[in-house]
Amino acid sequence: MKKIPALVMLFTAVIFILAACNNSKEANVALDKKHAPLPDYVLNSSELIQETYIMVTNYPEVVAGVPCYCGCYLEDGHMSNLDCYIDQFGEDNAVIAYDSMSIA
């Protein structure tokens, strides 16, 4: 049970470190080419949401350990916060479908 708060703190620290390293107005995060392009509902969202989707897509193992508390596990069967961003993985953990739950 102690792993959950540690993972949440780790994920938060990663976000703050990446934000602190950003000296320009352009994002420092880029979507790995093996993943499907971000859908329009993400591209039409804020820069922070776009960066979050990219980081979750590139580092799914970090978010997989973070539980979701919004109740989507009851309705949608989500097992972790990762399920709120990613709907389906293909070969080599390439994202082939995204989930809009995290921006709804």
C-alpha atoms as a PDB file:
ATOM      1  CA  MET A   1       0.000   0.000   0.000  1.00  0.00           C
ATOM      2  CA  LYS A   2       2.968   2.308   0.566  1.00  0.00           C
ATOM      3  CA  LYS A   3       3.897   1.956  -3.106  1.00  0.00           C
ATOM      4  CA  ILE A   4       0.896   3.982  -4.287  1.00  0.00           C
ATOM      5  CA  PRO A   5       1.843   7.283  -2.579  1.00  0.00           C
ATOM      6  CA  ALA A   6       5.460   6.770  -3.654  1.00  0.00           C
ATOM      7  CA  LEU A   7       4.423   6.306  -7.286  1.00  0.00           C
ATOM      8  CA  VAL A   8       2.170   9.352  -7.167  1.00  0.00           C
ATOM      9  CA  MET A   9       5.042  11.406  -5.764  1.00  0.00           C
ATOM     10  CA  LEU A  10       7.412  10.030  -8.412  1.00  0.00           C
ATOM     11  CA  PHE A  11       5.018  10.893 -11.241  1.00  0.00           C
ATOM     12  CA  THR A  12       4.508  14.386  -9.809  1.00  0.00           C
ATOM     13  CA  ALA A  13       8.274  14.875  -9.466  1.00  0.00           C
ATOM     14  CA  VAL A  14       8.807  13.833 -13.096  1.00  0.00           C
ATOM     15  CA  ILE A  15       6.227  16.383 -14.252  1.00  0.00           C
ATOM     16  CA  PHE A  16       7.832  19.165 -12.188  1.00  0.00           C
ATOM     17  CA  ILE A  17      11.326  18.280 -13.387  1.00  0.00           C
ATOM     18  CA  LEU A  18      10.224  18.298 -17.004  1.00  0.00           C
ATOM     19  CA  ALA A  19       8.443  21.611 -16.499  1.00  0.00           C
ATOM     20  CA  ALA A  20      11.494  23.137 -14.799  1.00  0.00           C
ATOM     21  CA  CYS A  21      13.771  22.033 -17.620  1.00  0.00           C
ATOM     22  CA  ASN A  22      11.622  23.829 -20.166  1.00  0.00           C
ATOM     23  CA  ASN A  23      13.435  27.113 -20.869  1.00  0.00           C
ATOM     24  CA  SER A  24      11.510  27.945 -24.014  1.00  0.00           C
ATOM     25  CA  LYS A  25       7.849  28.267 -24.921  1.00  0.00           C
ATOM     26  CA  GLU A  26       8.049  25.041 -26.928  1.00  0.00           C
ATOM     27  CA  ALA A  27       7.399  21.689 -25.294  1.00  0.00           C
ATOM     28  CA  ASN A  28      10.380  19.450 -24.561  1.00  0.00           C
ATOM     29  CA  VAL A  29       8.344  16.276 -24.817  1.00  0.00           C
ATOM     30  CA  ALA A  30       7.786  14.481 -28.073  1.00  0.00           C
ATOM     31  CA  LEU A  31       5.633  11.523 -28.972  1.00  0.00           C
ATOM     32  CA  ASP A  32       7.665   8.453 -29.873  1.00  0.00           C
ATOM     33  CA  LYS A  33       7.118   7.621 -33.552  1.00  0.00           C
ATOM     34  CA  LYS A  34       5.957   4.073 -32.751  1.00  0.00           C
ATOM     35  CA  HIS A  35       2.720   5.442 -31.235  1.00  0.00           C
ATOM     36  CA  ALA A  36      -0.426   6.508 -33.060  1.00  0.00           C
ATOM     37  CA  PRO A  37      -0.762  10.283 -33.461  1.00  0.00           C
ATOM     38  CA  LEU A  38      -2.627  12.106 -30.714  1.00  0.00           C
ATOM     39  CA  PRO A  39      -6.365  12.403 -31.444  1.00  0.00           C
ATOM     40  CA  ASP A  40      -8.064  15.736 -32.157  1.00  0.00           C
ATOM     41  CA  TYR A  41      -9.637  15.972 -28.698  1.00  0.00           C
ATOM     42  CA  VAL A  42      -6.097  16.037 -27.260  1.00  0.00           C
ATOM     43  CA  LEU A  43      -4.648  18.345 -29.914  1.00  0.00           C
ATOM     44  CA  ASN A  44      -7.515  20.787 -29.328  1.00  0.00           C
ATOM     45  CA  SER A  45      -6.808  20.813 -25.573  1.00  0.00           C
ATOM     46  CA  SER A  46      -4.312  22.821 -23.572  1.00  0.00           C
ATOM     47  CA  GLU A  47      -0.578  22.357 -23.950  1.00  0.00           C
ATOM     48  CA  LEU A  48      -0.425  20.786 -20.496  1.00  0.00           C
ATOM     49  CA  ILE A  49      -2.939  18.099 -21.469  1.00  0.00           C
ATOM     50  CA  GLN A  50      -1.043  17.396 -24.689  1.00  0.00           C
ATOM     51  CA  GLU A  51       2.249  17.063 -22.788  1.00  0.00           C
ATOM     52  CA  THR A  52       0.603  14.795 -20.225  1.00  0.00           C
ATOM     53  CA  TYR A  53      -0.753  12.477 -22.929  1.00  0.00           C
ATOM     54  CA  ILE A  54       2.695  12.337 -24.527  1.00  0.00           C
ATOM     55  CA  MET A  55       4.408  11.546 -21.228  1.00  0.00           C
ATOM     56  CA  VAL A  56       1.828   8.883 -20.348  1.00  0.00           C
ATOM     57  CA  THR A  57       2.205   7.381 -23.818  1.00  0.00           C
ATOM     58  CA  ASN A  58       6.000   7.308 -23.622  1.00  0.00           C
ATOM     59  CA  TYR A  59       6.172   6.123 -19.976  1.00  0.00           C
ATOM     60  CA  PRO A  60       3.087   3.941 -19.354  1.00  0.00           C
ATOM     61  CA  GLU A  61       4.749   1.927 -16.586  1.00  0.00           C
ATOM     62  CA  VAL A  62       4.842   5.005 -14.346  1.00  0.00           C
ATOM     63  CA  VAL A  63       1.134   5.782 -14.642  1.00  0.00           C
ATOM     64  CA  ALA A  64       0.091   2.122 -14.499  1.00  0.00           C
ATOM     65  CA  GLY A  65       0.929   2.141 -10.796  1.00  0.00           C
ATOM     66  CA  VAL A  66      -1.274   5.137 -10.037  1.00  0.00           C
ATOM     67  CA  PRO A  67      -4.840   4.201  -9.117  1.00  0.00           C
ATOM     68  CA  CYS A  68      -7.780   6.162 -10.455  1.00  0.00           C
ATOM     69  CA  TYR A  69     -10.241   7.486  -7.897  1.00  0.00           C
ATOM     70  CA  CYS A  70     -12.959   8.913 -10.136  1.00  0.00           C
ATOM     71  CA  GLY A  71     -14.987   5.716 -10.175  1.00  0.00           C
ATOM     72  CA  CYS A  72     -14.212   4.747 -13.763  1.00  0.00           C
ATOM     73  CA  TYR A  73     -13.103   1.317 -12.567  1.00  0.00           C
ATOM     74  CA  LEU A  74     -16.765   0.584 -11.824  1.00  0.00           C
ATOM     75  CA  GLU A  75     -18.226   1.825 -15.106  1.00  0.00           C
ATOM     76  CA  ASP A  76     -15.354   1.271 -17.535  1.00  0.00           C
ATOM     77  CA  GLY A  77     -13.308  -1.413 -15.798  1.00  0.00           C
ATOM     78  CA  HIS A  78     -10.231   0.796 -15.516  1.00  0.00           C
ATOM     79  CA  MET A  79      -7.491  -0.742 -13.392  1.00  0.00           C
ATOM     80  CA  SER A  80      -5.232   2.328 -13.073  1.00  0.00           C
ATOM     81  CA  ASN A  81      -4.835   5.932 -14.196  1.00  0.00           C
ATOM     82  CA  LEU A  82      -3.179   4.616 -17.355  1.00  0.00           C
ATOM     83  CA  ASP A  83      -6.562   3.369 -18.559  1.00  0.00           C
ATOM     84  CA  CYS A  84      -7.876   6.952 -18.478  1.00  0.00           C
ATOM     85  CA  TYR A  85      -5.318   7.910 -21.141  1.00  0.00           C
ATOM     86  CA  ILE A  86      -4.624   4.778 -23.177  1.00  0.00           C
ATOM     87  CA  ASP A  87      -7.311   2.493 -24.562  1.00  0.00           C
ATOM     88  CA  GLN A  88      -5.224  -0.047 -26.460  1.00  0.00           C
ATOM     89  CA  PHE A  89      -1.592  -1.069 -26.906  1.00  0.00           C
ATOM     90  CA  GLY A  90      -0.151  -2.926 -29.874  1.00  0.00           C
ATOM     91  CA  GLU A  91       3.202  -4.588 -30.412  1.00  0.00           C
ATOM     92  CA  ASP A  92       6.185  -3.243 -28.464  1.00  0.00           C
ATOM     93  CA  ASN A  93       3.808  -1.265 -26.179  1.00  0.00           C
ATOM     94  CA  ALA A  94       2.942   1.039 -29.049  1.00  0.00           C
ATOM     95  CA  VAL A  95      -0.249   2.973 -28.364  1.00  0.00           C
ATOM     96  CA  ILE A  96      -2.817   2.320 -31.065  1.00  0.00           C
ATOM     97  CA  ALA A  97      -5.882   3.866 -29.345  1.00  0.00           C
ATOM     98  CA  TYR A  98      -6.247   6.639 -26.782  1.00  0.00           C
ATOM     99  CA  ASP A  99      -8.974   7.180 -24.152  1.00  0.00           C
ATOM    100  CA  SER A 100     -10.637  10.559 -23.597  1.00  0.00           C
ATOM    101  CA  MET A 101     -11.557   9.876 -19.943  1.00  0.00           C
ATOM    102  CA  SER A 102      -8.750  12.075 -18.593  1.00  0.00           C
ATOM    103  CA  ILE A 103      -9.990  15.235 -20.306  1.00  0.00           C
ATOM    104  CA  ALA A 104     -13.721  14.653 -19.831  1.00  0.00           C
END
